Amino acid sequence: GGKLIYLIDQGVIKYLKFPQFWFESTPQGKFMLQIAFGQSKYFVDSLSENTKRGLRQKVRRGEMPGLAPVGYQNDPRTKTIVVDRTKAPIIKQAFELFATGTYRIMDIADFLARNGIISRNGRPRKQDRVSRQLLSNPFYYGHFRYAGEIHEGVHEPLIAKKLFDQVQEVWRKRSRSWHEQRPVKLYTGLFRCGECGM
């Protein structure tokens, strides 16, 4: 708002037109414009604070704000998240398959695609989506993440916490970095080439 009024003072902006506000480039008009900007800022800040307060109350009740993950549905009548009876068994089976340790993320993505669980654009889900949004999502055992913290939910869990932990253990073993797998060799890094730095 201050920048706009400065540009009006400099003559860069000659004319402003609003649907519900009449502006004239006079001292009184600029004063009224500043008040209108202040009211707009207050309205936006107040709306943001009220929205955050409502979301915090929802989280305290154990309800996750936002869209339901695959295997669940948002019920618009009750404003809650309910189990999707057609997709839930497939999601549970995907967890069970990965927990055996014999299936890769790619295999799970193919399994989901074969059973009709695909992305919104009609393609199979990407591997990082399967790992981050499905296999590592605590929502499936009855909890949910919100603002960096895990909260207990009131929704019906699809899997047991034990199965979720087995999946995380398989995932942890498979995602070791190359530093952990590579054996340390003696005298590595003692000498460097003065020309290329190797």
N, C-alpha and C. Protein backbone atom coordinates (compact mmCIF):
# COMPACT_ATOMS: atom_id res chain seq x y z
N GLY A 1 0.81 -1.20 0.00
CA GLY A 1 0.00 0.00 0.00
C GLY A 1 0.85 1.26 0.00
N GLY A 2 1.90 1.24 0.83
CA GLY A 2 2.82 2.39 0.88
C GLY A 2 3.49 2.63 -0.45
N LYS A 3 3.87 1.54 -1.12
CA LYS A 3 4.52 1.67 -2.44
C LYS A 3 3.56 2.28 -3.46
N LEU A 4 2.30 1.84 -3.44
CA LEU A 4 1.32 2.39 -4.38
C LEU A 4 1.11 3.88 -4.15
N ILE A 5 0.99 4.27 -2.89
CA ILE A 5 0.78 5.69 -2.59
C ILE A 5 2.00 6.50 -3.00
N TYR A 6 3.21 5.94 -2.81
CA TYR A 6 4.44 6.62 -3.24
C TYR A 6 4.44 6.80 -4.77
N LEU A 7 4.02 5.76 -5.50
CA LEU A 7 3.97 5.85 -6.96
C LEU A 7 2.93 6.86 -7.43
N ILE A 8 1.84 7.00 -6.67
CA ILE A 8 0.84 8.03 -6.99
C ILE A 8 1.45 9.41 -6.78
N ASP A 9 2.19 9.58 -5.66
CA ASP A 9 2.85 10.87 -5.37
C ASP A 9 3.85 11.22 -6.47
N GLN A 10 4.55 10.24 -7.00
CA GLN A 10 5.56 10.47 -8.03
C GLN A 10 4.94 10.67 -9.41
N GLY A 11 3.67 10.40 -9.55
CA GLY A 11 3.00 10.55 -10.84
C GLY A 11 3.13 9.34 -11.75
N VAL A 12 3.70 8.24 -11.24
CA VAL A 12 3.83 7.03 -12.04
C VAL A 12 2.45 6.40 -12.24
N ILE A 13 1.65 6.37 -11.17
CA ILE A 13 0.27 5.89 -11.26
C ILE A 13 -0.63 7.11 -11.35
N LYS A 14 -1.41 7.18 -12.42
CA LYS A 14 -2.27 8.34 -12.63
C LYS A 14 -3.68 8.11 -12.10
N TYR A 15 -4.14 6.86 -12.19
CA TYR A 15 -5.56 6.62 -11.92
C TYR A 15 -5.73 5.22 -11.33
N LEU A 16 -6.56 5.07 -10.31
CA LEU A 16 -6.90 3.78 -9.71
C LEU A 16 -8.41 3.64 -9.70
N LYS A 17 -8.88 2.43 -10.02
CA LYS A 17 -10.32 2.19 -10.01
C LYS A 17 -10.59 0.88 -9.29
N PHE A 18 -11.51 0.90 -8.34
CA PHE A 18 -11.87 -0.28 -7.57
C PHE A 18 -13.37 -0.52 -7.70
N PRO A 19 -13.82 -1.77 -7.54
CA PRO A 19 -15.27 -2.03 -7.67
C PRO A 19 -16.10 -1.37 -6.57
N GLN A 20 -15.55 -1.26 -5.35
CA GLN A 20 -16.35 -0.75 -4.23
C GLN A 20 -15.71 0.47 -3.58
N PHE A 21 -14.78 1.11 -4.25
CA PHE A 21 -14.05 2.21 -3.62
C PHE A 21 -13.70 3.24 -4.69
N TRP A 22 -14.02 4.49 -4.41
CA TRP A 22 -13.71 5.56 -5.36
C TRP A 22 -12.45 6.28 -4.89
N PHE A 23 -11.48 6.44 -5.81
CA PHE A 23 -10.21 7.06 -5.42
C PHE A 23 -9.96 8.31 -6.27
N GLU A 24 -9.56 9.39 -5.60
CA GLU A 24 -9.10 10.61 -6.28
C GLU A 24 -7.70 10.92 -5.77
N SER A 25 -6.86 11.42 -6.65
CA SER A 25 -5.46 11.70 -6.28
C SER A 25 -5.37 13.04 -5.54
N THR A 26 -5.99 13.07 -4.36
CA THR A 26 -5.92 14.24 -3.49
C THR A 26 -5.40 13.76 -2.13
N PRO A 27 -4.99 14.67 -1.25
CA PRO A 27 -4.54 14.22 0.08
C PRO A 27 -5.61 13.40 0.80
N GLN A 28 -6.87 13.84 0.69
CA GLN A 28 -7.94 13.08 1.35
C GLN A 28 -8.10 11.71 0.69
N GLY A 29 -8.03 11.64 -0.65
CA GLY A 29 -8.16 10.37 -1.37
C GLY A 29 -7.05 9.41 -0.99
N LYS A 30 -5.81 9.92 -0.89
CA LYS A 30 -4.68 9.05 -0.50
C LYS A 30 -4.82 8.58 0.94
N PHE A 31 -5.35 9.43 1.80
CA PHE A 31 -5.58 9.03 3.19
C PHE A 31 -6.61 7.91 3.26
N MET A 32 -7.69 8.04 2.51
CA MET A 32 -8.73 7.01 2.50
C MET A 32 -8.20 5.71 1.88
N LEU A 33 -7.31 5.84 0.88
CA LEU A 33 -6.71 4.66 0.26
C LEU A 33 -5.85 3.91 1.29
N GLN A 34 -5.10 4.67 2.09
CA GLN A 34 -4.27 4.04 3.13
C GLN A 34 -5.14 3.31 4.15
N ILE A 35 -6.26 3.89 4.52
CA ILE A 35 -7.18 3.24 5.46
C ILE A 35 -7.74 1.95 4.84
N ALA A 36 -8.08 2.00 3.55
CA ALA A 36 -8.60 0.81 2.86
C ALA A 36 -7.54 -0.30 2.84
N PHE A 37 -6.28 0.07 2.59
CA PHE A 37 -5.20 -0.92 2.62
C PHE A 37 -5.06 -1.53 4.02
N GLY A 38 -5.15 -0.69 5.04
CA GLY A 38 -5.05 -1.18 6.43
C GLY A 38 -6.18 -2.14 6.77
N GLN A 39 -7.40 -1.81 6.33
CA GLN A 39 -8.54 -2.70 6.58
C GLN A 39 -8.37 -4.03 5.86
N SER A 40 -7.86 -3.99 4.64
CA SER A 40 -7.64 -5.23 3.87
C SER A 40 -6.62 -6.11 4.57
N LYS A 41 -5.54 -5.49 5.04
CA LYS A 41 -4.49 -6.25 5.73
C LYS A 41 -5.04 -6.88 7.01
N TYR A 42 -5.83 -6.12 7.76
CA TYR A 42 -6.44 -6.65 8.98
C TYR A 42 -7.36 -7.83 8.66
N PHE A 43 -8.16 -7.70 7.60
CA PHE A 43 -9.10 -8.77 7.23
C PHE A 43 -8.34 -10.05 6.87
N VAL A 44 -7.27 -9.93 6.07
CA VAL A 44 -6.51 -11.10 5.66
C VAL A 44 -5.83 -11.75 6.86
N ASP A 45 -5.21 -10.94 7.74
CA ASP A 45 -4.55 -11.49 8.93
C ASP A 45 -5.55 -12.17 9.86
N SER A 46 -6.71 -11.55 10.04
CA SER A 46 -7.74 -12.10 10.91
C SER A 46 -8.27 -13.42 10.35
N LEU A 47 -8.50 -13.46 9.04
CA LEU A 47 -8.97 -14.68 8.40
C LEU A 47 -7.95 -15.80 8.53
N SER A 48 -6.67 -15.46 8.36
CA SER A 48 -5.60 -16.46 8.50
C SER A 48 -5.55 -17.02 9.92
N GLU A 49 -5.67 -16.14 10.91
CA GLU A 49 -5.62 -16.57 12.31
C GLU A 49 -6.81 -17.45 12.66
N ASN A 50 -7.99 -17.09 12.17
CA ASN A 50 -9.19 -17.89 12.44
C ASN A 50 -9.09 -19.26 11.78
N THR A 51 -8.54 -19.31 10.56
CA THR A 51 -8.37 -20.59 9.86
C THR A 51 -7.40 -21.49 10.62
N LYS A 52 -6.28 -20.92 11.05
CA LYS A 52 -5.30 -21.70 11.81
C LYS A 52 -5.89 -22.20 13.12
N ARG A 53 -6.68 -21.37 13.78
CA ARG A 53 -7.32 -21.78 15.03
C ARG A 53 -8.26 -22.96 14.80
N GLY A 54 -9.04 -22.88 13.71
CA GLY A 54 -9.95 -23.97 13.38
C GLY A 54 -9.21 -25.26 13.08
N LEU A 55 -8.07 -25.16 12.36
CA LEU A 55 -7.28 -26.35 12.06
C LEU A 55 -6.69 -26.95 13.33
N ARG A 56 -6.22 -26.09 14.24
CA ARG A 56 -5.66 -26.60 15.51
C ARG A 56 -6.73 -27.33 16.32
N GLN A 57 -7.95 -26.81 16.35
CA GLN A 57 -9.04 -27.48 17.07
C GLN A 57 -9.37 -28.83 16.44
N LYS A 58 -9.32 -28.87 15.12
CA LYS A 58 -9.59 -30.13 14.41
C LYS A 58 -8.52 -31.16 14.76
N VAL A 59 -7.26 -30.74 14.82
CA VAL A 59 -6.16 -31.64 15.16
C VAL A 59 -6.32 -32.14 16.59
N ARG A 60 -6.72 -31.25 17.52
CA ARG A 60 -6.93 -31.67 18.92
C ARG A 60 -8.02 -32.73 19.04
N ARG A 61 -9.01 -32.67 18.15
CA ARG A 61 -10.08 -33.68 18.16
C ARG A 61 -9.63 -34.99 17.51
N GLY A 62 -8.43 -35.00 16.92
CA GLY A 62 -7.91 -36.21 16.28
C GLY A 62 -8.29 -36.34 14.82
N GLU A 63 -8.71 -35.23 14.21
CA GLU A 63 -9.09 -35.24 12.80
C GLU A 63 -8.00 -34.57 11.98
N MET A 64 -7.54 -35.25 10.94
CA MET A 64 -6.50 -34.67 10.10
C MET A 64 -7.12 -33.67 9.13
N PRO A 65 -6.61 -32.43 9.12
CA PRO A 65 -7.11 -31.48 8.12
C PRO A 65 -6.50 -31.79 6.76
N GLY A 66 -7.26 -31.63 5.72
CA GLY A 66 -6.74 -31.85 4.38
C GLY A 66 -7.36 -33.06 3.71
N LEU A 67 -6.77 -33.40 2.56
CA LEU A 67 -7.28 -34.50 1.76
C LEU A 67 -6.89 -35.85 2.35
N ALA A 68 -7.77 -36.80 2.23
CA ALA A 68 -7.51 -38.15 2.72
C ALA A 68 -6.51 -38.84 1.81
N PRO A 69 -5.60 -39.66 2.37
CA PRO A 69 -4.68 -40.42 1.52
C PRO A 69 -5.42 -41.55 0.81
N VAL A 70 -4.76 -42.14 -0.18
CA VAL A 70 -5.38 -43.21 -0.95
C VAL A 70 -5.71 -44.37 -0.01
N GLY A 71 -6.89 -44.94 -0.18
CA GLY A 71 -7.40 -45.97 0.74
C GLY A 71 -8.45 -45.39 1.68
N TYR A 72 -8.56 -44.08 1.68
CA TYR A 72 -9.57 -43.37 2.49
C TYR A 72 -10.29 -42.38 1.59
N GLN A 73 -11.41 -41.85 2.10
CA GLN A 73 -12.18 -40.84 1.38
C GLN A 73 -12.59 -39.73 2.34
N ASN A 74 -12.69 -38.51 1.83
CA ASN A 74 -13.26 -37.41 2.61
C ASN A 74 -14.78 -37.49 2.49
N ASP A 75 -15.45 -37.59 3.63
CA ASP A 75 -16.92 -37.64 3.65
C ASP A 75 -17.43 -36.20 3.78
N PRO A 76 -18.02 -35.63 2.72
CA PRO A 76 -18.45 -34.22 2.79
C PRO A 76 -19.62 -33.98 3.74
N ARG A 77 -20.41 -35.02 4.02
CA ARG A 77 -21.56 -34.83 4.92
C ARG A 77 -21.10 -34.66 6.36
N THR A 78 -20.20 -35.54 6.81
CA THR A 78 -19.76 -35.50 8.22
C THR A 78 -18.45 -34.74 8.40
N LYS A 79 -17.82 -34.32 7.29
CA LYS A 79 -16.53 -33.61 7.32
C LYS A 79 -15.46 -34.45 8.01
N THR A 80 -15.51 -35.76 7.79
CA THR A 80 -14.52 -36.67 8.37
C THR A 80 -13.87 -37.50 7.26
N ILE A 81 -12.90 -38.30 7.65
CA ILE A 81 -12.21 -39.19 6.72
C ILE A 81 -12.64 -40.62 7.03
N VAL A 82 -13.14 -41.32 6.02
CA VAL A 82 -13.64 -42.68 6.19
C VAL A 82 -12.88 -43.62 5.27
N VAL A 83 -12.93 -44.92 5.59
CA VAL A 83 -12.23 -45.94 4.81
C VAL A 83 -12.90 -46.12 3.46
N ASP A 84 -12.09 -46.17 2.41
CA ASP A 84 -12.57 -46.50 1.07
C ASP A 84 -12.57 -48.02 0.96
N ARG A 85 -13.74 -48.62 1.01
CA ARG A 85 -13.85 -50.09 1.11
C ARG A 85 -13.30 -50.82 -0.12
N THR A 86 -13.20 -50.16 -1.26
CA THR A 86 -12.65 -50.84 -2.45
C THR A 86 -11.13 -50.78 -2.49
N LYS A 87 -10.54 -49.64 -2.09
CA LYS A 87 -9.09 -49.48 -2.20
C LYS A 87 -8.33 -49.90 -0.93
N ALA A 88 -9.00 -49.89 0.20
CA ALA A 88 -8.32 -50.19 1.48
C ALA A 88 -7.67 -51.57 1.49
N PRO A 89 -8.34 -52.64 1.03
CA PRO A 89 -7.68 -53.95 1.05
C PRO A 89 -6.42 -54.01 0.18
N ILE A 90 -6.43 -53.25 -0.92
CA ILE A 90 -5.26 -53.23 -1.82
C ILE A 90 -4.09 -52.54 -1.13
N ILE A 91 -4.37 -51.44 -0.43
CA ILE A 91 -3.32 -50.71 0.29
C ILE A 91 -2.74 -51.60 1.39
N LYS A 92 -3.61 -52.27 2.12
CA LYS A 92 -3.15 -53.17 3.19
C LYS A 92 -2.26 -54.27 2.61
N GLN A 93 -2.65 -54.82 1.48
CA GLN A 93 -1.86 -55.87 0.84
C GLN A 93 -0.51 -55.34 0.37
N ALA A 94 -0.47 -54.08 -0.08
CA ALA A 94 0.80 -53.47 -0.50
C ALA A 94 1.76 -53.38 0.69
N PHE A 95 1.25 -53.01 1.86
CA PHE A 95 2.09 -52.98 3.07
C PHE A 95 2.60 -54.39 3.40
N GLU A 96 1.71 -55.37 3.32
CA GLU A 96 2.10 -56.75 3.65
C GLU A 96 3.16 -57.27 2.68
N LEU A 97 3.02 -56.95 1.38
CA LEU A 97 4.00 -57.39 0.39
C LEU A 97 5.37 -56.78 0.66
N PHE A 98 5.40 -55.47 0.92
CA PHE A 98 6.69 -54.80 1.13
C PHE A 98 7.34 -55.27 2.43
N ALA A 99 6.53 -55.61 3.44
CA ALA A 99 7.07 -56.04 4.73
C ALA A 99 7.80 -57.37 4.63
N THR A 100 7.51 -58.17 3.58
CA THR A 100 8.22 -59.45 3.42
C THR A 100 9.68 -59.24 3.08
N GLY A 101 10.02 -58.08 2.50
CA GLY A 101 11.40 -57.79 2.14
C GLY A 101 11.80 -58.30 0.77
N THR A 102 10.87 -58.93 0.04
CA THR A 102 11.20 -59.48 -1.27
C THR A 102 10.70 -58.61 -2.41
N TYR A 103 9.99 -57.54 -2.10
CA TYR A 103 9.45 -56.66 -3.14
C TYR A 103 10.12 -55.29 -3.07
N ARG A 104 10.36 -54.72 -4.25
CA ARG A 104 10.93 -53.38 -4.34
C ARG A 104 9.79 -52.35 -4.41
N ILE A 105 10.15 -51.09 -4.27
CA ILE A 105 9.15 -50.02 -4.40
C ILE A 105 8.52 -50.07 -5.79
N MET A 106 9.33 -50.35 -6.80
CA MET A 106 8.82 -50.45 -8.17
C MET A 106 7.77 -51.56 -8.27
N ASP A 107 8.02 -52.68 -7.59
CA ASP A 107 7.05 -53.78 -7.61
C ASP A 107 5.74 -53.37 -6.95
N ILE A 108 5.84 -52.62 -5.86
CA ILE A 108 4.62 -52.16 -5.16
C ILE A 108 3.85 -51.18 -6.05
N ALA A 109 4.58 -50.28 -6.75
CA ALA A 109 3.92 -49.33 -7.66
C ALA A 109 3.21 -50.08 -8.78
N ASP A 110 3.84 -51.13 -9.31
CA ASP A 110 3.21 -51.95 -10.36
C ASP A 110 1.99 -52.68 -9.81
N PHE A 111 2.10 -53.21 -8.59
CA PHE A 111 0.98 -53.90 -7.94
C PHE A 111 -0.21 -52.96 -7.79
N LEU A 112 0.05 -51.74 -7.34
CA LEU A 112 -1.03 -50.76 -7.17
C LEU A 112 -1.67 -50.43 -8.52
N ALA A 113 -0.84 -50.26 -9.55
CA ALA A 113 -1.37 -49.92 -10.88
C ALA A 113 -2.22 -51.06 -11.44
N ARG A 114 -1.77 -52.30 -11.23
CA ARG A 114 -2.55 -53.45 -11.72
C ARG A 114 -3.92 -53.53 -11.04
N ASN A 115 -4.00 -53.02 -9.81
CA ASN A 115 -5.25 -53.07 -9.05
C ASN A 115 -6.05 -51.76 -9.12
N GLY A 116 -5.67 -50.91 -10.06
CA GLY A 116 -6.47 -49.70 -10.31
C GLY A 116 -6.14 -48.50 -9.47
N ILE A 117 -5.07 -48.56 -8.67
CA ILE A 117 -4.68 -47.39 -7.88
C ILE A 117 -3.56 -46.69 -8.63
N ILE A 118 -3.95 -45.63 -9.34
CA ILE A 118 -3.02 -44.89 -10.18
C ILE A 118 -3.07 -43.42 -9.79
N SER A 119 -2.19 -42.62 -10.39
CA SER A 119 -2.17 -41.19 -10.09
C SER A 119 -3.33 -40.49 -10.78
N ARG A 120 -3.49 -39.21 -10.50
CA ARG A 120 -4.63 -38.46 -11.06
C ARG A 120 -4.55 -38.33 -12.58
N ASN A 121 -3.32 -38.37 -13.13
CA ASN A 121 -3.18 -38.25 -14.59
C ASN A 121 -3.32 -39.59 -15.30
N GLY A 122 -3.68 -40.67 -14.56
CA GLY A 122 -3.93 -41.96 -15.17
C GLY A 122 -2.71 -42.84 -15.34
N ARG A 123 -1.58 -42.41 -14.80
CA ARG A 123 -0.36 -43.20 -14.91
C ARG A 123 -0.07 -43.91 -13.59
N PRO A 124 0.79 -44.94 -13.62
CA PRO A 124 1.18 -45.58 -12.36
C PRO A 124 1.86 -44.59 -11.43
N ARG A 125 1.68 -44.79 -10.14
CA ARG A 125 2.29 -43.89 -9.15
C ARG A 125 3.80 -43.98 -9.20
N LYS A 126 4.46 -42.85 -9.03
CA LYS A 126 5.92 -42.82 -9.03
C LYS A 126 6.45 -43.45 -7.75
N GLN A 127 7.68 -43.95 -7.83
CA GLN A 127 8.25 -44.68 -6.70
C GLN A 127 8.40 -43.80 -5.46
N ASP A 128 8.80 -42.54 -5.65
CA ASP A 128 8.96 -41.68 -4.48
C ASP A 128 7.62 -41.38 -3.82
N ARG A 129 6.55 -41.33 -4.61
CA ARG A 129 5.21 -41.13 -4.05
C ARG A 129 4.78 -42.35 -3.25
N VAL A 130 5.08 -43.53 -3.79
CA VAL A 130 4.71 -44.77 -3.08
C VAL A 130 5.45 -44.84 -1.76
N SER A 131 6.74 -44.48 -1.75
CA SER A 131 7.51 -44.59 -0.52
C SER A 131 7.16 -43.50 0.49
N ARG A 132 6.97 -42.24 0.02
CA ARG A 132 6.74 -41.13 0.95
C ARG A 132 5.28 -41.01 1.37
N GLN A 133 4.36 -41.11 0.41
CA GLN A 133 2.96 -40.85 0.71
C GLN A 133 2.17 -42.08 1.13
N LEU A 134 2.75 -43.25 0.91
CA LEU A 134 2.00 -44.46 1.24
C LEU A 134 2.74 -45.26 2.31
N LEU A 135 3.89 -45.80 1.98
CA LEU A 135 4.57 -46.74 2.89
C LEU A 135 5.14 -46.08 4.16
N SER A 136 5.36 -44.78 4.13
CA SER A 136 5.88 -44.12 5.33
C SER A 136 4.86 -43.16 5.96
N ASN A 137 3.60 -43.32 5.61
CA ASN A 137 2.54 -42.45 6.12
C ASN A 137 1.92 -43.07 7.38
N PRO A 138 2.07 -42.43 8.55
CA PRO A 138 1.51 -42.99 9.78
C PRO A 138 -0.02 -42.99 9.83
N PHE A 139 -0.66 -42.34 8.86
CA PHE A 139 -2.12 -42.30 8.82
C PHE A 139 -2.72 -43.70 8.76
N TYR A 140 -2.00 -44.61 8.12
CA TYR A 140 -2.54 -45.96 7.91
C TYR A 140 -2.60 -46.79 9.18
N TYR A 141 -1.83 -46.43 10.21
CA TYR A 141 -1.96 -47.17 11.48
C TYR A 141 -2.69 -46.35 12.55
N GLY A 142 -3.32 -45.23 12.15
CA GLY A 142 -4.17 -44.50 13.08
C GLY A 142 -3.64 -43.18 13.58
N HIS A 143 -2.50 -42.72 13.08
CA HIS A 143 -1.94 -41.43 13.47
C HIS A 143 -1.81 -40.57 12.22
N PHE A 144 -1.44 -39.30 12.39
CA PHE A 144 -1.21 -38.44 11.23
C PHE A 144 -0.20 -37.35 11.58
N ARG A 145 0.46 -36.87 10.52
CA ARG A 145 1.44 -35.78 10.67
C ARG A 145 0.74 -34.45 10.44
N TYR A 146 1.05 -33.48 11.33
CA TYR A 146 0.56 -32.13 11.13
C TYR A 146 1.55 -31.17 11.77
N ALA A 147 2.00 -30.21 11.01
CA ALA A 147 2.96 -29.19 11.48
C ALA A 147 4.22 -29.83 12.06
N GLY A 148 4.69 -30.90 11.41
CA GLY A 148 5.94 -31.54 11.82
C GLY A 148 5.81 -32.46 13.02
N GLU A 149 4.61 -32.67 13.52
CA GLU A 149 4.40 -33.54 14.67
C GLU A 149 3.41 -34.65 14.30
N ILE A 150 3.50 -35.77 15.03
CA ILE A 150 2.58 -36.88 14.80
C ILE A 150 1.51 -36.85 15.89
N HIS A 151 0.25 -36.90 15.45
CA HIS A 151 -0.90 -36.84 16.36
C HIS A 151 -1.72 -38.12 16.23
N GLU A 152 -2.38 -38.49 17.31
CA GLU A 152 -3.25 -39.65 17.27
C GLU A 152 -4.56 -39.27 16.62
N GLY A 153 -5.01 -40.11 15.68
CA GLY A 153 -6.24 -39.81 14.95
C GLY A 153 -7.42 -40.62 15.45
N VAL A 154 -8.61 -40.17 15.05
CA VAL A 154 -9.83 -40.88 15.42
C VAL A 154 -10.35 -41.74 14.26
N HIS A 155 -9.65 -41.70 13.13
CA HIS A 155 -10.07 -42.48 11.98
C HIS A 155 -9.73 -43.96 12.17
N GLU A 156 -10.35 -44.80 11.37
CA GLU A 156 -10.14 -46.25 11.46
C GLU A 156 -8.81 -46.61 10.79
N PRO A 157 -7.90 -47.28 11.52
CA PRO A 157 -6.62 -47.65 10.89
C PRO A 157 -6.80 -48.82 9.92
N LEU A 158 -5.98 -48.81 8.86
CA LEU A 158 -6.01 -49.91 7.89
C LEU A 158 -5.08 -51.04 8.28
N ILE A 159 -3.96 -50.70 8.95
CA ILE A 159 -2.96 -51.71 9.30
C ILE A 159 -2.59 -51.56 10.77
N ALA A 160 -1.94 -52.59 11.29
CA ALA A 160 -1.46 -52.54 12.68
C ALA A 160 -0.13 -51.79 12.72
N LYS A 161 0.17 -51.22 13.88
CA LYS A 161 1.44 -50.50 14.06
C LYS A 161 2.62 -51.44 13.84
N LYS A 162 2.46 -52.71 14.21
CA LYS A 162 3.53 -53.69 14.05
C LYS A 162 3.89 -53.86 12.57
N LEU A 163 2.89 -53.95 11.71
CA LEU A 163 3.14 -54.08 10.27
C LEU A 163 3.81 -52.82 9.73
N PHE A 164 3.37 -51.65 10.19
CA PHE A 164 3.99 -50.39 9.77
C PHE A 164 5.46 -50.37 10.15
N ASP A 165 5.77 -50.80 11.39
CA ASP A 165 7.16 -50.83 11.84
C ASP A 165 8.01 -51.80 11.03
N GLN A 166 7.42 -52.94 10.63
CA GLN A 166 8.15 -53.90 9.79
C GLN A 166 8.49 -53.27 8.44
N VAL A 167 7.54 -52.54 7.87
CA VAL A 167 7.78 -51.86 6.60
C VAL A 167 8.89 -50.82 6.74
N GLN A 168 8.88 -50.06 7.86
CA GLN A 168 9.91 -49.05 8.06
C GLN A 168 11.28 -49.69 8.23
N GLU A 169 11.33 -50.86 8.87
CA GLU A 169 12.60 -51.57 9.06
C GLU A 169 13.15 -52.04 7.71
N VAL A 170 12.28 -52.59 6.85
CA VAL A 170 12.70 -53.02 5.51
C VAL A 170 13.19 -51.80 4.72
N TRP A 171 12.45 -50.70 4.82
CA TRP A 171 12.81 -49.47 4.11
C TRP A 171 14.16 -48.94 4.61
N ARG A 172 14.38 -48.99 5.91
CA ARG A 172 15.63 -48.48 6.49
C ARG A 172 16.82 -49.32 6.01
N LYS A 173 16.66 -50.64 5.95
CA LYS A 173 17.74 -51.51 5.50
C LYS A 173 18.08 -51.27 4.03
N ARG A 174 17.06 -50.98 3.24
CA ARG A 174 17.28 -50.78 1.80
C ARG A 174 17.81 -49.41 1.46
N SER A 175 17.60 -48.44 2.33
CA SER A 175 17.98 -47.07 1.98
C SER A 175 19.27 -46.63 2.65
N ARG A 176 20.15 -47.57 2.96
CA ARG A 176 21.46 -47.19 3.49
C ARG A 176 22.23 -46.42 2.44
N SER A 177 22.92 -45.42 2.87
CA SER A 177 23.70 -44.64 1.92
C SER A 177 24.95 -45.43 1.50
N TRP A 178 25.58 -45.00 0.41
CA TRP A 178 26.76 -45.71 -0.09
C TRP A 178 27.91 -45.58 0.88
N HIS A 179 27.90 -44.56 1.75
CA HIS A 179 28.96 -44.41 2.75
C HIS A 179 28.97 -45.58 3.72
N GLU A 180 27.75 -46.05 4.08
CA GLU A 180 27.65 -47.14 5.04
C GLU A 180 28.04 -48.48 4.40
N GLN A 181 27.75 -48.64 3.12
CA GLN A 181 28.00 -49.92 2.46
C GLN A 181 29.45 -50.06 1.98
N ARG A 182 30.10 -48.96 1.71
CA ARG A 182 31.44 -49.00 1.13
C ARG A 182 32.48 -49.23 2.21
N PRO A 183 33.35 -50.22 2.06
CA PRO A 183 34.38 -50.45 3.08
C PRO A 183 35.42 -49.34 3.07
N VAL A 184 35.87 -48.99 4.27
CA VAL A 184 36.89 -47.94 4.39
C VAL A 184 38.25 -48.56 4.08
N LYS A 185 39.02 -47.92 3.18
CA LYS A 185 40.33 -48.42 2.80
C LYS A 185 41.40 -47.58 3.46
N LEU A 186 42.45 -48.25 3.84
CA LEU A 186 43.57 -47.56 4.48
C LEU A 186 44.22 -46.57 3.52
N TYR A 187 44.73 -45.49 4.07
CA TYR A 187 45.48 -44.45 3.34
C TYR A 187 44.65 -43.70 2.31
N THR A 188 43.32 -43.87 2.32
CA THR A 188 42.49 -43.14 1.37
C THR A 188 42.50 -41.65 1.71
N GLY A 189 42.76 -40.83 0.72
CA GLY A 189 42.73 -39.38 0.91
C GLY A 189 44.02 -38.78 1.39
N LEU A 190 45.08 -39.56 1.51
CA LEU A 190 46.36 -39.01 1.98
C LEU A 190 47.06 -38.19 0.91
N PHE A 191 46.94 -38.62 -0.34
CA PHE A 191 47.63 -37.93 -1.44
C PHE A 191 46.61 -37.37 -2.41
N ARG A 192 46.91 -36.19 -2.95
CA ARG A 192 46.08 -35.57 -3.97
C ARG A 192 46.94 -35.11 -5.12
N CYS A 193 46.39 -35.23 -6.32
CA CYS A 193 47.09 -34.78 -7.51
C CYS A 193 47.08 -33.26 -7.54
N GLY A 194 48.26 -32.67 -7.75
CA GLY A 194 48.35 -31.20 -7.77
C GLY A 194 47.71 -30.61 -9.01
N GLU A 195 47.52 -31.41 -10.05
CA GLU A 195 46.96 -30.91 -11.30
C GLU A 195 45.44 -31.02 -11.34
N CYS A 196 44.91 -32.22 -11.02
CA CYS A 196 43.45 -32.43 -11.16
C CYS A 196 42.74 -32.51 -9.82
N GLY A 197 43.45 -32.68 -8.70
CA GLY A 197 42.81 -32.72 -7.39
C GLY A 197 42.31 -34.08 -6.97
N MET A 198 42.51 -35.10 -7.79
CA MET A 198 42.07 -36.46 -7.42
C MET A 198 42.96 -37.03 -6.32
